[in-house]
Amino acid sequence: MAIFDDIYQYFINNNADTSLGTRFEFWRAGWIMFIENPILGIGEGGIQERLESLVAHEIASDRGMTVPQLHSDIIDTLARRGLLGVISLLLLYVGFASAFAKKRYTRMIMYALVCWLLVA
């Protein structure tokens, strides 16, 4: 299966030139950005610049690094907005899930507005 081959290529052969390997590189780069700026993140404008820096220092592969999203809402939010941003995102997810589960749409709208204000 292709997915297992991609995993093998990435972890055993250090080959990021696969679909999954590229995704792993995005996630690794995002995690590095989060570790460097854990509370507030790197900000909206810093992602591309930091990706280029990681590639230049051979910390990340250059494959696909022109994409402006890190292919994971959680990792992308951690990198861009830090812990505060990811907490807001998770509250948004939980709020929507809770509202839909209970069919309380007014509460869902309230959660959405609060989380939107926190993330925006």
Foldseek 3Di string as FASTA:
>chain_A
DVVVVCVCCCPPVVDLPDPVSVLVLLLVLLVVLLVVPAAFAPAQPCQLVSLVVCVVVVVGPPPPSVDSASPDPQSRQSRHGHPQLNVLVVQLVVQCVVCVVVVPVVSNVVSVVVSVVSND
